[in-house]
């Protein structure tokens, strides 16, 4: 309950600072049904071009097992310019809404990558947070095992540590700004670079 209160407080502060979300995707029941009904077989065909970057040997994130809603929103944000990346903007621009839902369905249906196990969180922020900084536990939104939950809170478990570290650093610097109501920028902004590295390594090792 205490952790949930911290999250609510952060969102209220962020909501006052930024009145509008940093994405054009509104999670209406209709949109959720649309994404849920994505055609994974068509998505498999489209995803062949994704594999050039999204593979185990490339710094780009692993997409297998990621939440379909999260992937769909990221593609929409790249196309709309809410999230900046020249390569991904070019890749997403020709995609229709249906294409995005199909790609998301394909990746969401794949077996997620697994870490080596035995991860340790020396920061304790992942599961306990830090009330002295009004820093909520990551587990409140990303679940205790880092598997993600709710509408589009992404899976972190087994993700490449380097990618997670870069993502948190981008939120911390503000260079990534498609987090709804500034929430990840507020959270990452309170973390030290050492804590960010430790959290990335922790989640990268989770199964």
N, C-alpha and C. Protein backbone atom coordinates (compact mmCIF):
# COMPACT_ATOMS: atom_id res chain seq x y z
N UNK A 1 0.83 -1.21 0.00
CA UNK A 1 0.00 0.00 0.00
C UNK A 1 0.86 1.25 0.00
N UNK A 2 1.96 1.21 0.78
CA UNK A 2 2.85 2.37 0.84
C UNK A 2 3.48 2.65 -0.51
N UNK A 3 3.91 1.55 -1.19
CA UNK A 3 4.52 1.71 -2.51
C UNK A 3 3.52 2.26 -3.51
N UNK A 4 2.28 1.76 -3.43
CA UNK A 4 1.25 2.23 -4.35
C UNK A 4 0.97 3.71 -4.14
N UNK A 5 0.99 4.13 -2.87
CA UNK A 5 0.78 5.54 -2.56
C UNK A 5 1.87 6.40 -3.17
N UNK A 6 3.12 5.89 -3.15
CA UNK A 6 4.24 6.62 -3.76
C UNK A 6 4.02 6.79 -5.26
N UNK A 7 3.58 5.71 -5.91
CA UNK A 7 3.34 5.78 -7.35
C UNK A 7 2.26 6.80 -7.66
N UNK A 8 1.18 6.77 -6.91
CA UNK A 8 0.08 7.72 -7.13
C UNK A 8 0.56 9.14 -6.94
N UNK A 9 1.39 9.37 -5.93
CA UNK A 9 1.91 10.72 -5.66
C UNK A 9 2.76 11.20 -6.83
N UNK A 10 3.59 10.30 -7.35
CA UNK A 10 4.45 10.66 -8.49
C UNK A 10 3.60 11.02 -9.69
N UNK A 11 2.57 10.23 -9.97
CA UNK A 11 1.74 10.49 -11.13
C UNK A 11 0.95 11.78 -10.99
N UNK A 12 0.53 12.10 -9.76
CA UNK A 12 -0.18 13.35 -9.55
C UNK A 12 0.72 14.55 -9.79
N UNK A 13 1.96 14.46 -9.31
CA UNK A 13 2.91 15.54 -9.54
C UNK A 13 3.19 15.69 -11.02
N UNK A 14 3.42 14.54 -11.69
CA UNK A 14 3.71 14.56 -13.11
C UNK A 14 2.53 15.08 -13.91
N UNK A 15 1.32 14.68 -13.49
CA UNK A 15 0.14 15.12 -14.20
C UNK A 15 -0.04 16.62 -14.12
N UNK A 16 0.35 17.22 -13.01
CA UNK A 16 0.27 18.67 -12.89
C UNK A 16 1.31 19.35 -13.75
N UNK A 17 2.48 18.69 -13.92
CA UNK A 17 3.56 19.30 -14.70
C UNK A 17 3.28 19.20 -16.19
N UNK A 18 2.67 18.09 -16.61
CA UNK A 18 2.39 17.87 -18.03
C UNK A 18 0.94 17.43 -18.16
N UNK A 19 0.10 18.27 -18.68
CA UNK A 19 -1.33 17.99 -18.71
C UNK A 19 -1.70 16.90 -19.71
N UNK A 20 -0.89 16.68 -20.73
CA UNK A 20 -1.23 15.71 -21.76
C UNK A 20 -0.21 14.58 -21.81
N UNK A 21 -0.65 13.37 -22.15
CA UNK A 21 0.28 12.25 -22.28
C UNK A 21 1.26 12.48 -23.42
N UNK A 22 2.40 11.81 -23.34
CA UNK A 22 3.43 11.94 -24.37
C UNK A 22 3.28 10.87 -25.44
N UNK A 23 2.06 10.52 -25.76
CA UNK A 23 1.76 9.53 -26.78
C UNK A 23 0.37 9.83 -27.33
N UNK A 24 0.13 9.41 -28.56
CA UNK A 24 -1.19 9.61 -29.15
C UNK A 24 -2.07 8.39 -29.02
N UNK A 25 -1.57 7.35 -28.40
CA UNK A 25 -2.34 6.12 -28.23
C UNK A 25 -3.21 6.24 -26.99
N UNK A 26 -4.50 6.10 -27.15
CA UNK A 26 -5.43 6.10 -26.03
C UNK A 26 -5.96 4.68 -25.87
N UNK A 27 -5.78 4.13 -24.67
CA UNK A 27 -6.16 2.73 -24.46
C UNK A 27 -7.65 2.60 -24.16
N UNK A 28 -8.44 2.79 -25.19
CA UNK A 28 -9.87 2.57 -25.11
C UNK A 28 -10.15 1.07 -25.23
N UNK A 29 -11.32 0.61 -24.79
CA UNK A 29 -11.65 -0.81 -24.97
C UNK A 29 -11.55 -1.25 -26.43
N UNK A 30 -11.93 -0.35 -27.34
CA UNK A 30 -11.85 -0.67 -28.77
C UNK A 30 -10.41 -0.89 -29.21
N UNK A 31 -9.50 -0.01 -28.76
CA UNK A 31 -8.09 -0.15 -29.13
C UNK A 31 -7.49 -1.42 -28.54
N UNK A 32 -7.83 -1.72 -27.30
CA UNK A 32 -7.33 -2.93 -26.66
C UNK A 32 -7.79 -4.18 -27.41
N UNK A 33 -9.05 -4.18 -27.83
CA UNK A 33 -9.57 -5.33 -28.60
C UNK A 33 -8.86 -5.42 -29.95
N UNK A 34 -8.59 -4.28 -30.54
CA UNK A 34 -7.92 -4.26 -31.84
C UNK A 34 -6.52 -4.88 -31.75
N UNK A 35 -5.77 -4.47 -30.75
CA UNK A 35 -4.42 -5.01 -30.58
C UNK A 35 -4.47 -6.49 -30.24
N UNK A 36 -5.42 -6.86 -29.40
CA UNK A 36 -5.54 -8.26 -28.99
C UNK A 36 -5.85 -9.16 -30.17
N UNK A 37 -6.51 -8.63 -31.17
CA UNK A 37 -6.92 -9.45 -32.33
C UNK A 37 -5.89 -9.42 -33.46
N UNK A 38 -4.68 -8.95 -33.17
CA UNK A 38 -3.64 -8.90 -34.20
C UNK A 38 -3.35 -10.27 -34.81
N UNK A 39 -3.02 -10.27 -36.08
CA UNK A 39 -2.75 -11.50 -36.82
C UNK A 39 -1.26 -11.84 -36.73
N UNK A 40 -0.93 -12.77 -35.86
CA UNK A 40 0.46 -13.11 -35.64
C UNK A 40 1.16 -13.69 -36.86
N UNK A 41 0.43 -14.43 -37.69
CA UNK A 41 1.05 -15.03 -38.88
C UNK A 41 1.47 -13.94 -39.87
N UNK A 42 0.64 -12.94 -40.03
CA UNK A 42 1.04 -11.82 -40.88
C UNK A 42 2.17 -11.04 -40.22
N UNK A 43 2.09 -10.93 -38.91
CA UNK A 43 3.15 -10.25 -38.17
C UNK A 43 4.49 -10.94 -38.34
N UNK A 44 4.48 -12.27 -38.43
CA UNK A 44 5.71 -13.03 -38.63
C UNK A 44 6.38 -12.63 -39.93
N UNK A 45 5.60 -12.46 -40.97
CA UNK A 45 6.15 -12.05 -42.26
C UNK A 45 6.76 -10.65 -42.17
N UNK A 46 6.04 -9.74 -41.54
CA UNK A 46 6.53 -8.37 -41.41
C UNK A 46 7.77 -8.30 -40.53
N UNK A 47 7.84 -9.17 -39.53
CA UNK A 47 8.93 -9.12 -38.57
C UNK A 47 10.26 -9.62 -39.12
N UNK A 48 10.25 -10.17 -40.30
CA UNK A 48 11.51 -10.64 -40.89
C UNK A 48 12.50 -9.50 -41.06
N UNK A 49 12.00 -8.31 -41.36
CA UNK A 49 12.89 -7.16 -41.51
C UNK A 49 13.36 -6.64 -40.15
N UNK A 50 12.60 -6.96 -39.09
CA UNK A 50 12.98 -6.52 -37.73
C UNK A 50 14.18 -7.29 -37.21
N UNK A 51 14.27 -8.55 -37.64
CA UNK A 51 15.29 -9.45 -37.08
C UNK A 51 16.72 -9.02 -37.39
N UNK A 52 16.91 -8.17 -38.38
CA UNK A 52 18.26 -7.71 -38.70
C UNK A 52 18.89 -6.96 -37.53
N UNK A 53 18.05 -6.28 -36.75
CA UNK A 53 18.54 -5.54 -35.59
C UNK A 53 18.15 -6.20 -34.28
N UNK A 54 16.92 -6.69 -34.22
CA UNK A 54 16.41 -7.28 -32.98
C UNK A 54 16.77 -8.75 -32.90
N UNK A 55 18.02 -8.98 -32.54
CA UNK A 55 18.53 -10.35 -32.39
C UNK A 55 19.53 -10.37 -31.25
N UNK A 56 19.92 -11.55 -30.77
CA UNK A 56 20.79 -11.64 -29.59
C UNK A 56 22.15 -10.97 -29.72
N UNK A 57 22.66 -10.77 -30.94
CA UNK A 57 24.00 -10.22 -31.10
C UNK A 57 24.02 -8.72 -31.33
N UNK A 58 22.85 -8.10 -31.38
CA UNK A 58 22.75 -6.66 -31.65
C UNK A 58 22.30 -5.92 -30.39
N UNK A 59 22.73 -4.68 -30.20
CA UNK A 59 22.31 -3.93 -29.00
C UNK A 59 20.82 -3.63 -28.93
N UNK A 60 20.11 -3.74 -30.06
CA UNK A 60 18.67 -3.46 -30.04
C UNK A 60 17.96 -4.42 -29.09
N UNK A 61 16.84 -4.01 -28.51
CA UNK A 61 16.17 -4.84 -27.50
C UNK A 61 15.60 -6.13 -28.05
N UNK A 62 15.50 -7.11 -27.18
CA UNK A 62 14.84 -8.36 -27.52
C UNK A 62 13.33 -8.13 -27.42
N UNK A 63 12.60 -8.60 -28.41
CA UNK A 63 11.17 -8.34 -28.47
C UNK A 63 10.33 -9.57 -28.14
N UNK A 64 10.91 -10.74 -28.21
CA UNK A 64 10.16 -11.96 -27.96
C UNK A 64 9.55 -11.95 -26.55
N UNK A 65 8.25 -12.24 -26.50
CA UNK A 65 7.57 -12.31 -25.21
C UNK A 65 7.17 -10.97 -24.63
N UNK A 66 7.44 -9.89 -25.34
CA UNK A 66 7.07 -8.56 -24.85
C UNK A 66 5.55 -8.38 -24.97
N UNK A 67 4.97 -7.53 -24.14
CA UNK A 67 3.54 -7.29 -24.19
C UNK A 67 3.14 -6.68 -25.54
N UNK A 68 2.08 -7.20 -26.14
CA UNK A 68 1.63 -6.71 -27.44
C UNK A 68 1.24 -5.24 -27.37
N UNK A 69 0.57 -4.85 -26.29
CA UNK A 69 0.14 -3.46 -26.16
C UNK A 69 1.34 -2.52 -26.09
N UNK A 70 2.38 -2.95 -25.39
CA UNK A 70 3.59 -2.12 -25.29
C UNK A 70 4.25 -1.97 -26.65
N UNK A 71 4.41 -3.08 -27.36
CA UNK A 71 5.04 -3.01 -28.68
C UNK A 71 4.22 -2.16 -29.65
N UNK A 72 2.92 -2.32 -29.60
CA UNK A 72 2.04 -1.54 -30.48
C UNK A 72 2.21 -0.04 -30.21
N UNK A 73 2.22 0.33 -28.94
CA UNK A 73 2.34 1.75 -28.63
C UNK A 73 3.70 2.30 -29.03
N UNK A 74 4.76 1.52 -28.86
CA UNK A 74 6.08 2.00 -29.24
C UNK A 74 6.15 2.25 -30.75
N UNK A 75 5.60 1.34 -31.54
CA UNK A 75 5.58 1.54 -32.99
C UNK A 75 4.79 2.78 -33.37
N UNK A 76 3.65 2.98 -32.71
CA UNK A 76 2.85 4.18 -32.95
C UNK A 76 3.62 5.44 -32.56
N UNK A 77 4.33 5.38 -31.44
CA UNK A 77 5.08 6.55 -30.96
C UNK A 77 6.25 6.87 -31.88
N UNK A 78 6.92 5.83 -32.39
CA UNK A 78 8.00 6.07 -33.35
C UNK A 78 7.46 6.75 -34.61
N UNK A 79 6.35 6.25 -35.11
CA UNK A 79 5.76 6.80 -36.32
C UNK A 79 5.29 8.23 -36.12
N UNK A 80 4.72 8.52 -34.95
CA UNK A 80 4.18 9.85 -34.67
C UNK A 80 5.25 10.84 -34.23
N UNK A 81 6.44 10.35 -33.89
CA UNK A 81 7.51 11.23 -33.44
C UNK A 81 7.54 11.44 -31.95
N UNK A 82 6.69 10.76 -31.20
CA UNK A 82 6.70 10.87 -29.75
C UNK A 82 7.95 10.23 -29.15
N UNK A 83 8.48 9.23 -29.84
CA UNK A 83 9.73 8.60 -29.45
C UNK A 83 10.69 8.74 -30.62
N UNK A 84 11.86 9.25 -30.35
CA UNK A 84 12.80 9.60 -31.41
C UNK A 84 13.86 8.53 -31.64
N UNK A 85 13.91 8.03 -32.85
CA UNK A 85 14.97 7.14 -33.30
C UNK A 85 14.89 7.11 -34.81
N UNK A 86 15.89 7.62 -35.52
CA UNK A 86 15.81 7.71 -36.98
C UNK A 86 15.53 6.39 -37.67
N UNK A 87 16.17 5.32 -37.20
CA UNK A 87 15.97 4.02 -37.83
C UNK A 87 14.55 3.53 -37.61
N UNK A 88 14.07 3.59 -36.36
CA UNK A 88 12.74 3.08 -36.07
C UNK A 88 11.65 3.97 -36.66
N UNK A 89 11.91 5.25 -36.77
CA UNK A 89 10.93 6.12 -37.43
C UNK A 89 10.77 5.72 -38.89
N UNK A 90 11.90 5.44 -39.54
CA UNK A 90 11.85 5.01 -40.94
C UNK A 90 11.17 3.65 -41.08
N UNK A 91 11.42 2.74 -40.14
CA UNK A 91 10.84 1.41 -40.21
C UNK A 91 9.34 1.43 -39.94
N UNK A 92 8.90 2.29 -39.04
CA UNK A 92 7.49 2.31 -38.64
C UNK A 92 6.62 3.16 -39.56
N UNK A 93 7.21 4.10 -40.25
CA UNK A 93 6.43 5.04 -41.07
C UNK A 93 5.50 4.37 -42.08
N UNK A 94 5.95 3.33 -42.80
CA UNK A 94 5.05 2.72 -43.79
C UNK A 94 4.04 1.74 -43.19
N UNK A 95 4.12 1.47 -41.90
CA UNK A 95 3.25 0.47 -41.28
C UNK A 95 1.86 1.05 -41.01
N UNK A 96 0.85 0.26 -41.28
CA UNK A 96 -0.51 0.63 -40.93
C UNK A 96 -0.77 0.23 -39.48
N UNK A 97 -1.89 0.67 -38.93
CA UNK A 97 -2.26 0.26 -37.58
C UNK A 97 -2.37 -1.26 -37.50
N UNK A 98 -2.93 -1.85 -38.54
CA UNK A 98 -3.09 -3.30 -38.55
C UNK A 98 -1.73 -4.00 -38.59
N UNK A 99 -0.80 -3.48 -39.38
CA UNK A 99 0.55 -4.04 -39.43
C UNK A 99 1.18 -4.03 -38.04
N UNK A 100 1.02 -2.91 -37.35
CA UNK A 100 1.62 -2.79 -36.02
C UNK A 100 1.00 -3.79 -35.04
N UNK A 101 -0.31 -3.95 -35.09
CA UNK A 101 -0.98 -4.91 -34.23
C UNK A 101 -0.52 -6.33 -34.55
N UNK A 102 -0.30 -6.61 -35.83
CA UNK A 102 0.12 -7.96 -36.25
C UNK A 102 1.55 -8.25 -35.79
N UNK A 103 2.45 -7.28 -35.95
CA UNK A 103 3.82 -7.46 -35.49
C UNK A 103 3.85 -7.66 -33.98
N UNK A 104 3.08 -6.85 -33.28
CA UNK A 104 3.02 -6.96 -31.82
C UNK A 104 2.51 -8.33 -31.39
N UNK A 105 1.49 -8.82 -32.10
CA UNK A 105 0.93 -10.14 -31.78
C UNK A 105 1.96 -11.25 -32.00
N UNK A 106 2.73 -11.13 -33.07
CA UNK A 106 3.75 -12.15 -33.36
C UNK A 106 4.79 -12.21 -32.25
N UNK A 107 5.36 -11.07 -31.91
CA UNK A 107 6.40 -11.07 -30.89
C UNK A 107 5.86 -11.45 -29.51
N UNK A 108 4.66 -11.00 -29.20
CA UNK A 108 4.08 -11.32 -27.89
C UNK A 108 3.84 -12.82 -27.73
N UNK A 109 3.63 -13.52 -28.84
CA UNK A 109 3.37 -14.94 -28.78
C UNK A 109 4.61 -15.81 -28.74
N UNK A 110 5.78 -15.20 -28.81
CA UNK A 110 7.03 -15.96 -28.80
C UNK A 110 7.53 -16.16 -27.37
N UNK A 111 8.30 -17.19 -27.18
CA UNK A 111 8.88 -17.47 -25.88
C UNK A 111 9.87 -16.37 -25.51
N UNK A 112 9.71 -15.75 -24.34
CA UNK A 112 10.62 -14.66 -23.97
C UNK A 112 12.02 -15.18 -23.66
N UNK A 113 13.00 -14.31 -23.82
CA UNK A 113 14.36 -14.66 -23.43
C UNK A 113 14.45 -14.79 -21.91
N UNK A 114 15.29 -15.65 -21.46
CA UNK A 114 15.45 -15.88 -20.02
C UNK A 114 16.86 -15.52 -19.59
N UNK A 115 16.97 -14.90 -18.42
CA UNK A 115 18.27 -14.59 -17.88
C UNK A 115 18.92 -15.83 -17.29
N UNK A 116 20.08 -15.65 -16.74
CA UNK A 116 20.83 -16.78 -16.20
C UNK A 116 20.37 -17.16 -14.80
N UNK A 117 19.52 -16.33 -14.18
CA UNK A 117 19.06 -16.60 -12.83
C UNK A 117 20.05 -16.07 -11.80
N UNK A 118 19.64 -16.04 -10.57
CA UNK A 118 20.53 -15.61 -9.50
C UNK A 118 20.79 -14.12 -9.49
N UNK A 119 19.88 -13.33 -10.06
CA UNK A 119 20.07 -11.89 -10.08
C UNK A 119 20.01 -11.30 -8.68
N UNK A 120 20.80 -10.28 -8.44
CA UNK A 120 20.81 -9.61 -7.14
C UNK A 120 20.61 -8.12 -7.36
N UNK A 121 19.76 -7.52 -6.53
CA UNK A 121 19.46 -6.10 -6.64
C UNK A 121 20.09 -5.35 -5.47
N UNK A 122 21.35 -4.94 -5.59
CA UNK A 122 22.00 -4.24 -4.47
C UNK A 122 21.36 -2.92 -4.14
N UNK A 123 20.61 -2.35 -5.08
CA UNK A 123 19.95 -1.06 -4.81
C UNK A 123 18.71 -1.24 -3.94
N UNK A 124 18.10 -2.43 -3.97
CA UNK A 124 16.84 -2.74 -3.29
C UNK A 124 15.67 -1.95 -3.86
N UNK A 125 15.92 -1.15 -4.88
CA UNK A 125 14.86 -0.31 -5.44
C UNK A 125 13.88 -1.15 -6.25
N UNK A 126 14.36 -2.20 -6.88
CA UNK A 126 13.49 -3.02 -7.72
C UNK A 126 12.29 -3.55 -6.96
N UNK A 127 12.50 -3.98 -5.72
CA UNK A 127 11.43 -4.60 -4.96
C UNK A 127 11.00 -3.83 -3.73
N UNK A 128 11.81 -2.89 -3.28
CA UNK A 128 11.46 -2.14 -2.07
C UNK A 128 11.27 -0.66 -2.31
N UNK A 129 11.94 -0.12 -3.31
CA UNK A 129 11.89 1.31 -3.54
C UNK A 129 12.69 2.06 -2.50
N UNK A 130 12.55 3.37 -2.49
CA UNK A 130 13.24 4.21 -1.52
C UNK A 130 12.31 5.34 -1.11
N UNK A 131 11.56 5.15 -0.01
CA UNK A 131 10.61 6.17 0.43
C UNK A 131 11.25 7.53 0.73
N UNK A 132 12.53 7.53 1.08
CA UNK A 132 13.18 8.81 1.40
C UNK A 132 13.28 9.71 0.18
N UNK A 133 13.22 9.11 -1.02
CA UNK A 133 13.26 9.88 -2.26
C UNK A 133 11.93 9.83 -3.00
N UNK A 134 10.92 9.26 -2.34
CA UNK A 134 9.63 9.00 -2.99
C UNK A 134 9.84 8.21 -4.28
N UNK A 135 10.74 7.23 -4.18
CA UNK A 135 11.06 6.36 -5.31
C UNK A 135 10.33 5.03 -5.13
N UNK A 136 9.31 4.74 -5.95
CA UNK A 136 8.55 3.50 -5.78
C UNK A 136 9.33 2.29 -6.26
N UNK A 137 9.00 1.10 -5.78
CA UNK A 137 9.63 -0.11 -6.29
C UNK A 137 9.27 -0.33 -7.76
N UNK A 138 10.21 -0.79 -8.54
CA UNK A 138 9.93 -1.11 -9.94
C UNK A 138 8.83 -2.16 -10.04
N UNK A 139 8.80 -3.06 -9.03
CA UNK A 139 7.86 -4.17 -9.04
C UNK A 139 6.41 -3.73 -8.98
N UNK A 140 6.13 -2.53 -8.51
CA UNK A 140 4.75 -2.06 -8.44
C UNK A 140 4.11 -2.05 -9.83
N UNK A 141 4.86 -1.66 -10.83
CA UNK A 141 4.33 -1.61 -12.20
C UNK A 141 4.81 -2.77 -13.06
N UNK A 142 6.07 -3.18 -12.89
CA UNK A 142 6.65 -4.19 -13.76
C UNK A 142 6.53 -5.61 -13.20
N UNK A 143 5.86 -5.74 -12.07
CA UNK A 143 5.62 -7.02 -11.41
C UNK A 143 6.89 -7.53 -10.72
N UNK A 144 6.70 -8.40 -9.74
CA UNK A 144 7.81 -8.86 -8.93
C UNK A 144 8.89 -9.61 -9.70
N UNK A 145 8.48 -10.29 -10.77
CA UNK A 145 9.45 -11.03 -11.57
C UNK A 145 9.91 -10.28 -12.80
N UNK A 146 9.52 -9.01 -12.91
CA UNK A 146 9.92 -8.20 -14.05
C UNK A 146 9.24 -8.60 -15.35
N UNK A 147 8.10 -9.33 -15.24
CA UNK A 147 7.43 -9.81 -16.45
C UNK A 147 6.48 -8.81 -17.07
N UNK A 148 6.32 -7.65 -16.44
CA UNK A 148 5.43 -6.64 -16.98
C UNK A 148 3.98 -6.96 -16.67
N UNK A 149 3.12 -5.95 -16.74
CA UNK A 149 1.71 -6.19 -16.47
C UNK A 149 0.88 -4.99 -16.88
N UNK A 150 -0.41 -5.08 -16.61
CA UNK A 150 -1.37 -4.03 -16.98
C UNK A 150 -1.39 -3.84 -18.48
N UNK A 151 -1.67 -2.64 -18.92
CA UNK A 151 -1.89 -2.41 -20.34
C UNK A 151 -0.61 -2.47 -21.15
N UNK A 152 0.36 -1.63 -20.83
CA UNK A 152 1.59 -1.66 -21.64
C UNK A 152 2.83 -1.37 -20.81
N UNK A 153 2.86 -1.91 -19.60
CA UNK A 153 4.07 -1.84 -18.79
C UNK A 153 4.98 -2.97 -19.24
N UNK A 154 6.14 -2.67 -19.81
CA UNK A 154 6.93 -3.69 -20.51
C UNK A 154 7.57 -4.75 -19.63
N UNK A 155 7.84 -5.88 -20.25
CA UNK A 155 8.61 -6.94 -19.62
C UNK A 155 10.07 -6.49 -19.54
N UNK A 156 10.70 -6.67 -18.37
CA UNK A 156 12.10 -6.33 -18.17
C UNK A 156 12.97 -7.57 -17.99
N UNK A 157 12.38 -8.64 -17.48
CA UNK A 157 13.14 -9.85 -17.16
C UNK A 157 13.79 -10.43 -18.41
N UNK A 158 15.09 -10.67 -18.34
CA UNK A 158 15.82 -11.27 -19.44
C UNK A 158 16.19 -10.33 -20.55
N UNK A 159 15.80 -9.05 -20.42
CA UNK A 159 16.16 -8.08 -21.45
C UNK A 159 17.66 -7.79 -21.40
N UNK A 160 18.21 -7.34 -22.50
CA UNK A 160 19.64 -7.01 -22.53
C UNK A 160 19.92 -5.89 -21.54
N UNK A 161 20.90 -6.14 -20.67
CA UNK A 161 21.22 -5.15 -19.63
C UNK A 161 21.66 -3.83 -20.25
N UNK A 162 22.41 -3.89 -21.33
CA UNK A 162 22.87 -2.67 -21.97
C UNK A 162 21.72 -1.82 -22.47
N UNK A 163 20.69 -2.49 -23.01
CA UNK A 163 19.53 -1.75 -23.50
C UNK A 163 18.75 -1.14 -22.34
N UNK A 164 18.56 -1.91 -21.26
CA UNK A 164 17.85 -1.37 -20.10
C UNK A 164 18.59 -0.17 -19.51
N UNK A 165 19.91 -0.28 -19.43
CA UNK A 165 20.70 0.83 -18.90
C UNK A 165 20.55 2.07 -19.78
N UNK A 166 20.63 1.89 -21.08
CA UNK A 166 20.48 3.03 -21.99
C UNK A 166 19.09 3.65 -21.87
N UNK A 167 18.07 2.79 -21.76
CA UNK A 167 16.69 3.29 -21.65
C UNK A 167 16.52 4.15 -20.41
N UNK A 168 17.01 3.67 -19.28
CA UNK A 168 16.90 4.45 -18.04
C UNK A 168 17.71 5.75 -18.13
N UNK A 169 18.88 5.67 -18.74
CA UNK A 169 19.68 6.89 -18.90
C UNK A 169 18.99 7.89 -19.83
N UNK A 170 18.31 7.38 -20.85
CA UNK A 170 17.58 8.27 -21.76
C UNK A 170 16.41 8.94 -21.04
N UNK A 171 15.73 8.18 -20.20
CA UNK A 171 14.65 8.78 -19.41
C UNK A 171 15.22 9.81 -18.43
N UNK A 172 16.34 9.47 -17.82
CA UNK A 172 16.97 10.36 -16.85
C UNK A 172 17.37 11.69 -17.48
N UNK A 173 17.91 11.63 -18.68
CA UNK A 173 18.35 12.85 -19.38
C UNK A 173 17.20 13.58 -20.06
N UNK A 174 16.07 12.86 -20.25
CA UNK A 174 14.94 13.45 -20.94
C UNK A 174 14.97 13.26 -22.44
N UNK A 175 15.98 12.56 -22.95
CA UNK A 175 16.06 12.35 -24.39
C UNK A 175 15.00 11.35 -24.88
N UNK A 176 14.47 10.54 -23.98
CA UNK A 176 13.30 9.74 -24.29
C UNK A 176 12.14 10.31 -23.48
N UNK A 177 11.05 10.61 -24.16
CA UNK A 177 9.98 11.34 -23.48
C UNK A 177 8.59 10.84 -23.86
N UNK A 178 8.48 9.56 -24.21
CA UNK A 178 7.15 9.05 -24.54
C UNK A 178 6.52 8.27 -23.39
N UNK A 179 6.99 8.55 -22.18
CA UNK A 179 6.39 7.97 -20.98
C UNK A 179 5.18 8.81 -20.59
N UNK A 180 4.07 8.15 -20.37
CA UNK A 180 2.83 8.86 -20.08
C UNK A 180 2.94 9.65 -18.78
N UNK A 181 2.61 10.91 -18.87
CA UNK A 181 2.66 11.82 -17.72
C UNK A 181 4.01 11.87 -17.02
N UNK A 182 5.10 11.74 -17.80
CA UNK A 182 6.44 12.00 -17.27
C UNK A 182 6.89 10.98 -16.22
N UNK A 183 6.17 9.89 -16.06
CA UNK A 183 6.41 9.04 -14.88
C UNK A 183 7.79 8.41 -14.86
N UNK A 184 8.27 7.85 -16.01
CA UNK A 184 9.59 7.23 -16.00
C UNK A 184 10.70 8.26 -15.92
N UNK A 185 10.48 9.43 -16.48
CA UNK A 185 11.50 10.48 -16.35
C UNK A 185 11.64 10.92 -14.90
N UNK A 186 10.55 10.96 -14.18
CA UNK A 186 10.62 11.31 -12.76
C UNK A 186 11.33 10.23 -11.96
N UNK A 187 10.99 8.98 -12.26
CA UNK A 187 11.59 7.87 -11.52
C UNK A 187 13.08 7.74 -11.82
N UNK A 188 13.43 7.72 -13.10
CA UNK A 188 14.84 7.57 -13.49
C UNK A 188 15.67 8.77 -13.07
N UNK A 189 15.05 9.94 -13.03
CA UNK A 189 15.77 11.15 -12.66
C UNK A 189 16.33 11.11 -11.25
N UNK A 190 15.75 10.28 -10.39
CA UNK A 190 16.22 10.18 -9.01
C UNK A 190 17.28 9.11 -8.82
N UNK A 191 17.51 8.32 -9.86
CA UNK A 191 18.49 7.24 -9.75
C UNK A 191 19.88 7.73 -10.13
N UNK A 192 20.87 7.22 -9.44
CA UNK A 192 22.25 7.50 -9.82
C UNK A 192 22.63 6.62 -11.00
N UNK A 193 23.70 6.95 -11.68
CA UNK A 193 24.15 6.12 -12.80
C UNK A 193 24.53 4.72 -12.32
N UNK A 194 25.07 4.62 -11.12
CA UNK A 194 25.43 3.31 -10.56
C UNK A 194 24.18 2.48 -10.30
N UNK A 195 23.14 3.11 -9.74
CA UNK A 195 21.89 2.39 -9.49
C UNK A 195 21.25 1.93 -10.79
N UNK A 196 21.31 2.77 -11.82
CA UNK A 196 20.76 2.39 -13.12
C UNK A 196 21.47 1.17 -13.68
N UNK A 197 22.78 1.17 -13.60
CA UNK A 197 23.56 0.02 -14.09
C UNK A 197 23.22 -1.24 -13.30
N UNK A 198 23.09 -1.11 -11.99
CA UNK A 198 22.78 -2.26 -11.15
C UNK A 198 21.38 -2.80 -11.42
N UNK A 199 20.42 -1.92 -11.60
CA UNK A 199 19.06 -2.35 -11.91
C UNK A 199 19.01 -3.05 -13.26
N UNK A 200 19.73 -2.52 -14.24
CA UNK A 200 19.75 -3.14 -15.56
C UNK A 200 20.34 -4.54 -15.50
N UNK A 201 21.40 -4.71 -14.75
CA UNK A 201 22.02 -6.02 -14.62
C UNK A 201 21.11 -6.98 -13.87
N UNK A 202 20.41 -6.47 -12.86
CA UNK A 202 19.50 -7.29 -12.08
C UNK A 202 18.39 -7.85 -12.96
N UNK A 203 17.71 -6.98 -13.71
CA UNK A 203 16.60 -7.44 -14.53
C UNK A 203 17.08 -8.29 -15.71
N UNK A 204 18.27 -8.00 -16.22
CA UNK A 204 18.80 -8.79 -17.31
C UNK A 204 19.06 -10.24 -16.92
N UNK A 205 19.26 -10.49 -15.64
CA UNK A 205 19.54 -11.84 -15.18
C UNK A 205 18.28 -12.63 -14.79
N UNK A 206 17.17 -11.94 -14.68
CA UNK A 206 15.94 -12.63 -14.25
C UNK A 206 15.46 -13.60 -15.33
N UNK A 207 14.94 -14.70 -14.91
CA UNK A 207 14.40 -15.71 -15.84
C UNK A 207 12.97 -15.34 -16.25
